[in-house]
């Protein structure tokens, strides 16, 4: 009886560790995607020059892509 309780607790601990590690990977991927989008946003603004309308359009498009990627990563958790 006691060994089955220990086995149950050990399995539960392993499952919790697995879930936590999957959440950590998702968090790392989310941060990585945010960094990539931020860097591409910065480089796009630098390349586009002084045209404010194009800069604002690029900013809105890249922010929507970033939001989509973050929502996609959160839904896969």
PDB file of N, CA and C in Angstrom:
ATOM      1  N   UNK A   1       0.823  -1.192   0.000  1.00  0.00           N
ATOM      2  CA  UNK A   1       0.000   0.000   0.000  1.00  0.00           C
ATOM      3  C   UNK A   1       0.874   1.266   0.000  1.00  0.00           C
ATOM      4  N   UNK A   2       1.912   1.238   0.829  1.00  0.00           N
ATOM      5  CA  UNK A   2       2.777   2.402   0.931  1.00  0.00           C
ATOM      6  C   UNK A   2       3.595   2.608  -0.342  1.00  0.00           C
ATOM      7  N   UNK A   3       4.023   1.488  -0.953  1.00  0.00           N
ATOM      8  CA  UNK A   3       4.807   1.614  -2.186  1.00  0.00           C
ATOM      9  C   UNK A   3       3.942   2.145  -3.335  1.00  0.00           C
ATOM     10  N   UNK A   4       2.672   1.778  -3.363  1.00  0.00           N
ATOM     11  CA  UNK A   4       1.802   2.292  -4.421  1.00  0.00           C
ATOM     12  C   UNK A   4       1.555   3.789  -4.232  1.00  0.00           C
ATOM     13  N   UNK A   5       1.503   4.240  -2.995  1.00  0.00           N
ATOM     14  CA  UNK A   5       1.348   5.664  -2.721  1.00  0.00           C
ATOM     15  C   UNK A   5       2.592   6.431  -3.152  1.00  0.00           C
ATOM     16  N   UNK A   6       3.768   5.868  -2.872  1.00  0.00           N
ATOM     17  CA  UNK A   6       5.021   6.500  -3.295  1.00  0.00           C
ATOM     18  C   UNK A   6       5.116   6.545  -4.812  1.00  0.00           C
ATOM     19  N   UNK A   7       4.709   5.468  -5.469  1.00  0.00           N
ATOM     20  CA  UNK A   7       4.744   5.431  -6.933  1.00  0.00           C
ATOM     21  C   UNK A   7       3.791   6.467  -7.518  1.00  0.00           C
ATOM     22  N   UNK A   8       2.609   6.599  -6.918  1.00  0.00           N
ATOM     23  CA  UNK A   8       1.647   7.584  -7.379  1.00  0.00           C
ATOM     24  C   UNK A   8       2.199   8.998  -7.226  1.00  0.00           C
ATOM     25  N   UNK A   9       2.789   9.285  -6.065  1.00  0.00           N
ATOM     26  CA  UNK A   9       3.355  10.610  -5.829  1.00  0.00           C
ATOM     27  C   UNK A   9       4.526  10.888  -6.767  1.00  0.00           C
ATOM     28  N   UNK A  10       5.339   9.873  -7.035  1.00  0.00           N
ATOM     29  CA  UNK A  10       6.468  10.035  -7.950  1.00  0.00           C
ATOM     30  C   UNK A  10       5.978  10.314  -9.365  1.00  0.00           C
ATOM     31  N   UNK A  11       4.956   9.587  -9.811  1.00  0.00           N
ATOM     32  CA  UNK A  11       4.400   9.823 -11.145  1.00  0.00           C
ATOM     33  C   UNK A  11       3.805  11.220 -11.240  1.00  0.00           C
ATOM     34  N   UNK A  12       3.131  11.631 -10.176  1.00  0.00           N
ATOM     35  CA  UNK A  12       2.544  12.975 -10.156  1.00  0.00           C
ATOM     36  C   UNK A  12       3.634  14.044 -10.218  1.00  0.00           C
ATOM     37  N   UNK A  13       4.737  13.823  -9.500  1.00  0.00           N
ATOM     38  CA  UNK A  13       5.861  14.742  -9.530  1.00  0.00           C
ATOM     39  C   UNK A  13       6.467  14.819 -10.928  1.00  0.00           C
ATOM     40  N   UNK A  14       6.629  13.677 -11.591  1.00  0.00           N
ATOM     41  CA  UNK A  14       7.168  13.657 -12.949  1.00  0.00           C
ATOM     42  C   UNK A  14       6.254  14.394 -13.929  1.00  0.00           C
ATOM     43  N   UNK A  15       4.971  14.197 -13.780  1.00  0.00           N
ATOM     44  CA  UNK A  15       4.025  14.881 -14.670  1.00  0.00           C
ATOM     45  C   UNK A  15       4.084  16.386 -14.444  1.00  0.00           C
ATOM     46  N   UNK A  16       4.148  16.808 -13.184  1.00  0.00           N
ATOM     47  CA  UNK A  16       4.243  18.239 -12.886  1.00  0.00           C
ATOM     48  C   UNK A  16       5.538  18.834 -13.425  1.00  0.00           C
ATOM     49  N   UNK A  17       6.642  18.101 -13.316  1.00  0.00           N
ATOM     50  CA  UNK A  17       7.912  18.574 -13.864  1.00  0.00           C
ATOM     51  C   UNK A  17       7.851  18.686 -15.383  1.00  0.00           C
ATOM     52  N   UNK A  18       7.198  17.726 -16.027  1.00  0.00           N
ATOM     53  CA  UNK A  18       7.053  17.769 -17.478  1.00  0.00           C
ATOM     54  C   UNK A  18       6.218  18.969 -17.914  1.00  0.00           C
ATOM     55  N   UNK A  19       5.119  19.210 -17.229  1.00  0.00           N
ATOM     56  CA  UNK A  19       4.266  20.358 -17.559  1.00  0.00           C
ATOM     57  C   UNK A  19       5.020  21.661 -17.347  1.00  0.00           C
ATOM     58  N   UNK A  20       5.769  21.748 -16.249  1.00  0.00           N
ATOM     59  CA  UNK A  20       6.537  22.969 -15.978  1.00  0.00           C
ATOM     60  C   UNK A  20       7.609  23.202 -17.028  1.00  0.00           C
ATOM     61  N   UNK A  21       8.267  22.134 -17.454  1.00  0.00           N
ATOM     62  CA  UNK A  21       9.305  22.297 -18.469  1.00  0.00           C
ATOM     63  C   UNK A  21       8.710  22.713 -19.808  1.00  0.00           C
ATOM     64  N   UNK A  22       7.535  22.214 -20.143  1.00  0.00           N
ATOM     65  CA  UNK A  22       6.867  22.614 -21.384  1.00  0.00           C
ATOM     66  C   UNK A  22       6.474  24.091 -21.311  1.00  0.00           C
ATOM     67  N   UNK A  23       6.000  24.534 -20.146  1.00  0.00           N
ATOM     68  CA  UNK A  23       5.656  25.945 -19.980  1.00  0.00           C
ATOM     69  C   UNK A  23       6.899  26.823 -20.093  1.00  0.00           C
ATOM     70  N   UNK A  24       8.019  26.359 -19.544  1.00  0.00           N
ATOM     71  CA  UNK A  24       9.261  27.131 -19.634  1.00  0.00           C
ATOM     72  C   UNK A  24       9.730  27.246 -21.083  1.00  0.00           C
ATOM     73  N   UNK A  25       9.621  26.172 -21.848  1.00  0.00           N
ATOM     74  CA  UNK A  25       9.998  26.216 -23.264  1.00  0.00           C
ATOM     75  C   UNK A  25       9.100  27.191 -24.008  1.00  0.00           C
ATOM     76  N   UNK A  26       7.813  27.179 -23.716  1.00  0.00           N
ATOM     77  CA  UNK A  26       6.894  28.122 -24.339  1.00  0.00           C
ATOM     78  C   UNK A  26       7.231  29.562 -23.991  1.00  0.00           C
ATOM     79  N   UNK A  27       7.609  29.789 -22.750  1.00  0.00           N
ATOM     80  CA  UNK A  27       7.993  31.134 -22.327  1.00  0.00           C
ATOM     81  C   UNK A  27       9.270  31.587 -23.030  1.00  0.00           C
ATOM     82  N   UNK A  28      10.233  30.691 -23.130  1.00  0.00           N
ATOM     83  CA  UNK A  28      11.484  31.019 -23.827  1.00  0.00           C
ATOM     84  C   UNK A  28      11.222  31.310 -25.295  1.00  0.00           C
ATOM     85  N   UNK A  29      10.368  30.516 -25.935  1.00  0.00           N
ATOM     86  CA  UNK A  29      10.031  30.765 -27.337  1.00  0.00           C
ATOM     87  C   UNK A  29       9.290  32.090 -27.505  1.00  0.00           C
ATOM     88  N   UNK A  30       8.429  32.409 -26.558  1.00  0.00           N
ATOM     89  CA  UNK A  30       7.710  33.678 -26.611  1.00  0.00           C
ATOM     90  C   UNK A  30       8.675  34.850 -26.509  1.00  0.00           C
ATOM     91  N   UNK A  31       9.625  34.766 -25.604  1.00  0.00           N
ATOM     92  CA  UNK A  31      10.627  35.830 -25.461  1.00  0.00           C
ATOM     93  C   UNK A  31      11.476  35.924 -26.720  1.00  0.00           C
ATOM     94  N   UNK A  32      11.860  34.779 -27.261  1.00  0.00           N
ATOM     95  CA  UNK A  32      12.674  34.747 -28.473  1.00  0.00           C
ATOM     96  C   UNK A  32      11.933  35.393 -29.642  1.00  0.00           C
ATOM     97  N   UNK A  33      10.648  35.062 -29.799  1.00  0.00           N
ATOM     98  CA  UNK A  33       9.860  35.660 -30.881  1.00  0.00           C
ATOM     99  C   UNK A  33       9.702  37.160 -30.671  1.00  0.00           C
ATOM    100  N   UNK A  34       9.519  37.581 -29.440  1.00  0.00           N
ATOM    101  CA  UNK A  34       9.398  39.015 -29.157  1.00  0.00           C
ATOM    102  C   UNK A  34      10.676  39.748 -29.519  1.00  0.00           C
ATOM    103  N   UNK A  35      11.813  39.142 -29.199  1.00  0.00           N
ATOM    104  CA  UNK A  35      13.089  39.771 -29.543  1.00  0.00           C
ATOM    105  C   UNK A  35      13.277  39.863 -31.053  1.00  0.00           C
ATOM    106  N   UNK A  36      12.934  38.804 -31.764  1.00  0.00           N
ATOM    107  CA  UNK A  36      13.083  38.808 -33.221  1.00  0.00           C
ATOM    108  C   UNK A  36      12.178  39.865 -33.845  1.00  0.00           C
ATOM    109  N   UNK A  37      10.937  39.937 -33.380  1.00  0.00           N
ATOM    110  CA  UNK A  37      10.010  40.931 -33.918  1.00  0.00           C
ATOM    111  C   UNK A  37      10.486  42.341 -33.590  1.00  0.00           C
ATOM    112  N   UNK A  38      10.991  42.545 -32.378  1.00  0.00           N
ATOM    113  CA  UNK A  38      11.486  43.873 -32.006  1.00  0.00           C
ATOM    114  C   UNK A  38      12.677  44.286 -32.853  1.00  0.00           C
ATOM    115  N   UNK A  39      13.592  43.340 -33.101  1.00  0.00           N
ATOM    116  CA  UNK A  39      14.763  43.645 -33.928  1.00  0.00           C
ATOM    117  C   UNK A  39      14.345  43.916 -35.370  1.00  0.00           C
ATOM    118  N   UNK A  40      13.391  43.143 -35.891  1.00  0.00           N
ATOM    119  CA  UNK A  40      12.951  43.380 -37.266  1.00  0.00           C
ATOM    120  C   UNK A  40      12.190  44.695 -37.366  1.00  0.00           C
ATOM    121  N   UNK A  41      11.450  45.031 -36.318  1.00  0.00           N
ATOM    122  CA  UNK A  41      10.756  46.317 -36.300  1.00  0.00           C
ATOM    123  C   UNK A  41      11.760  47.465 -36.321  1.00  0.00           C
ATOM    124  N   UNK A  42      12.782  47.360 -35.526  1.00  0.00           N
ATOM    125  CA  UNK A  42      13.792  48.415 -35.484  1.00  0.00           C
ATOM    126  C   UNK A  42      14.512  48.543 -36.824  1.00  0.00           C
ATOM    127  N   UNK A  43      14.896  47.413 -37.413  1.00  0.00           N
ATOM    128  CA  UNK A  43      15.605  47.479 -38.692  1.00  0.00           C
ATOM    129  C   UNK A  43      14.682  47.966 -39.811  1.00  0.00           C
ATOM    130  N   UNK A  44      13.402  47.596 -39.744  1.00  0.00           N
ATOM    131  CA  UNK A  44      12.465  48.061 -40.774  1.00  0.00           C
ATOM    132  C   UNK A  44      12.283  49.568 -40.690  1.00  0.00           C
ATOM    133  N   UNK A  45      12.211  50.088 -39.492  1.00  0.00           N
ATOM    134  CA  UNK A  45      12.049  51.533 -39.330  1.00  0.00           C
ATOM    135  C   UNK A  45      13.298  52.256 -39.808  1.00  0.00           C
ATOM    136  N   UNK A  46      14.468  51.695 -39.543  1.00  0.00           N
ATOM    137  CA  UNK A  46      15.701  52.333 -40.004  1.00  0.00           C
ATOM    138  C   UNK A  46      15.812  52.317 -41.520  1.00  0.00           C
ATOM    139  N   UNK A  47      15.384  51.224 -42.142  1.00  0.00           N
ATOM    140  CA  UNK A  47      15.495  51.088 -43.599  1.00  0.00           C
ATOM    141  C   UNK A  47      14.491  51.983 -44.312  1.00  0.00           C
ATOM    142  N   UNK A  48      13.305  52.152 -43.710  1.00  0.00           N
ATOM    143  CA  UNK A  48      12.242  52.885 -44.393  1.00  0.00           C
ATOM    144  C   UNK A  48      12.501  54.388 -44.473  1.00  0.00           C
ATOM    145  N   UNK A  49      13.416  54.875 -43.695  1.00  0.00           N
ATOM    146  CA  UNK A  49      13.771  56.282 -43.801  1.00  0.00           C
ATOM    147  C   UNK A  49      12.825  57.196 -43.066  1.00  0.00           C
ATOM    148  N   UNK A  50      12.560  58.353 -43.678  1.00  0.00           N
ATOM    149  CA  UNK A  50      11.815  59.398 -42.974  1.00  0.00           C
ATOM    150  C   UNK A  50      10.328  59.435 -43.302  1.00  0.00           C
ATOM    151  N   UNK A  51       9.849  58.526 -44.146  1.00  0.00           N
ATOM    152  CA  UNK A  51       8.432  58.523 -44.497  1.00  0.00           C
ATOM    153  C   UNK A  51       7.623  57.997 -43.307  1.00  0.00           C
ATOM    154  N   UNK A  52       6.936  58.899 -42.622  1.00  0.00           N
ATOM    155  CA  UNK A  52       6.229  58.566 -41.387  1.00  0.00           C
ATOM    156  C   UNK A  52       5.077  57.589 -41.621  1.00  0.00           C
ATOM    157  N   UNK A  53       4.354  57.734 -42.698  1.00  0.00           N
ATOM    158  CA  UNK A  53       3.213  56.846 -42.969  1.00  0.00           C
ATOM    159  C   UNK A  53       3.680  55.403 -43.160  1.00  0.00           C
ATOM    160  N   UNK A  54       4.768  55.216 -43.867  1.00  0.00           N
ATOM    161  CA  UNK A  54       5.287  53.861 -44.074  1.00  0.00           C
ATOM    162  C   UNK A  54       5.815  53.290 -42.763  1.00  0.00           C
ATOM    163  N   UNK A  55       6.445  54.129 -41.951  1.00  0.00           N
ATOM    164  CA  UNK A  55       6.939  53.669 -40.650  1.00  0.00           C
ATOM    165  C   UNK A  55       5.789  53.213 -39.758  1.00  0.00           C
ATOM    166  N   UNK A  56       4.729  54.004 -39.739  1.00  0.00           N
ATOM    167  CA  UNK A  56       3.583  53.635 -38.906  1.00  0.00           C
ATOM    168  C   UNK A  56       2.936  52.356 -39.425  1.00  0.00           C
ATOM    169  N   UNK A  57       2.822  52.215 -40.731  1.00  0.00           N
ATOM    170  CA  UNK A  57       2.244  50.996 -41.310  1.00  0.00           C
ATOM    171  C   UNK A  57       3.087  49.773 -40.968  1.00  0.00           C
ATOM    172  N   UNK A  58       4.389  49.891 -41.102  1.00  0.00           N
ATOM    173  CA  UNK A  58       5.278  48.777 -40.778  1.00  0.00           C
ATOM    174  C   UNK A  58       5.191  48.440 -39.298  1.00  0.00           C
ATOM    175  N   UNK A  59       5.104  49.451 -38.457  1.00  0.00           N
ATOM    176  CA  UNK A  59       4.993  49.237 -37.020  1.00  0.00           C
ATOM    177  C   UNK A  59       3.717  48.461 -36.685  1.00  0.00           C
ATOM    178  N   UNK A  60       2.594  48.865 -37.272  1.00  0.00           N
ATOM    179  CA  UNK A  60       1.315  48.200 -36.998  1.00  0.00           C
ATOM    180  C   UNK A  60       1.334  46.760 -37.511  1.00  0.00           C
ATOM    181  N   UNK A  61       1.868  46.545 -38.692  1.00  0.00           N
ATOM    182  CA  UNK A  61       1.923  45.192 -39.260  1.00  0.00           C
ATOM    183  C   UNK A  61       2.788  44.279 -38.401  1.00  0.00           C
ATOM    184  N   UNK A  62       3.976  44.752 -38.019  1.00  0.00           N
ATOM    185  CA  UNK A  62       4.860  43.909 -37.216  1.00  0.00           C
ATOM    186  C   UNK A  62       4.310  43.671 -35.816  1.00  0.00           C
ATOM    187  N   UNK A  63       3.628  44.645 -35.244  1.00  0.00           N
ATOM    188  CA  UNK A  63       3.013  44.421 -33.937  1.00  0.00           C
ATOM    189  C   UNK A  63       1.883  43.400 -34.017  1.00  0.00           C
ATOM    190  N   UNK A  64       1.129  43.417 -35.098  1.00  0.00           N
ATOM    191  CA  UNK A  64       0.061  42.429 -35.235  1.00  0.00           C
ATOM    192  C   UNK A  64       0.639  41.030 -35.432  1.00  0.00           C
ATOM    193  N   UNK A  65       1.754  40.931 -36.156  1.00  0.00           N
ATOM    194  CA  UNK A  65       2.424  39.634 -36.311  1.00  0.00           C
ATOM    195  C   UNK A  65       2.937  39.151 -34.962  1.00  0.00           C
ATOM    196  N   UNK A  66       3.521  40.056 -34.187  1.00  0.00           N
ATOM    197  CA  UNK A  66       4.012  39.693 -32.857  1.00  0.00           C
ATOM    198  C   UNK A  66       2.866  39.202 -31.981  1.00  0.00           C
ATOM    199  N   UNK A  67       1.746  39.909 -31.997  1.00  0.00           N
ATOM    200  CA  UNK A  67       0.592  39.491 -31.206  1.00  0.00           C
ATOM    201  C   UNK A  67       0.066  38.138 -31.639  1.00  0.00           C
ATOM    202  N   UNK A  68       0.045  37.906 -32.953  1.00  0.00           N
ATOM    203  CA  UNK A  68      -0.407  36.611 -33.461  1.00  0.00           C
ATOM    204  C   UNK A  68       0.511  35.491 -32.994  1.00  0.00           C
ATOM    205  N   UNK A  69       1.839  35.715 -33.051  1.00  0.00           N
ATOM    206  CA  UNK A  69       2.784  34.679 -32.626  1.00  0.00           C
ATOM    207  C   UNK A  69       2.669  34.398 -31.132  1.00  0.00           C
ATOM    208  N   UNK A  70       2.489  35.427 -30.341  1.00  0.00           N
ATOM    209  CA  UNK A  70       2.354  35.219 -28.897  1.00  0.00           C
ATOM    210  C   UNK A  70       1.064  34.473 -28.583  1.00  0.00           C
ATOM    211  N   UNK A  71      -0.034  34.823 -29.256  1.00  0.00           N
ATOM    212  CA  UNK A  71      -1.295  34.092 -29.058  1.00  0.00           C
ATOM    213  C   UNK A  71      -1.160  32.639 -29.489  1.00  0.00           C
ATOM    214  N   UNK A  72      -0.428  32.411 -30.572  1.00  0.00           N
ATOM    215  CA  UNK A  72      -0.212  31.046 -31.052  1.00  0.00           C
ATOM    216  C   UNK A  72       0.591  30.243 -30.033  1.00  0.00           C
ATOM    217  N   UNK A  73       1.625  30.845 -29.472  1.00  0.00           N
ATOM    218  CA  UNK A  73       2.419  30.146 -28.462  1.00  0.00           C
ATOM    219  C   UNK A  73       1.627  29.891 -27.196  1.00  0.00           C
ATOM    220  N   UNK A  74       0.812  30.844 -26.786  1.00  0.00           N
ATOM    221  CA  UNK A  74       0.007  30.634 -25.581  1.00  0.00           C
ATOM    222  C   UNK A  74      -1.052  29.565 -25.771  1.00  0.00           C
ATOM    223  N   UNK A  75      -1.613  29.473 -26.947  1.00  0.00           N
ATOM    224  CA  UNK A  75      -2.659  28.469 -27.184  1.00  0.00           C
ATOM    225  C   UNK A  75      -2.087  27.064 -27.273  1.00  0.00           C
ATOM    226  N   UNK A  76      -0.786  26.952 -27.576  1.00  0.00           N
ATOM    227  CA  UNK A  76      -0.191  25.618 -27.678  1.00  0.00           C
ATOM    228  C   UNK A  76       0.239  25.073 -26.328  1.00  0.00           C
ATOM    229  N   UNK A  77       0.143  25.864 -25.276  1.00  0.00           N
ATOM    230  CA  UNK A  77       0.543  25.395 -23.938  1.00  0.00           C
ATOM    231  C   UNK A  77      -0.480  24.472 -23.359  1.00  0.00           C
TER     232      UNK A  77
END
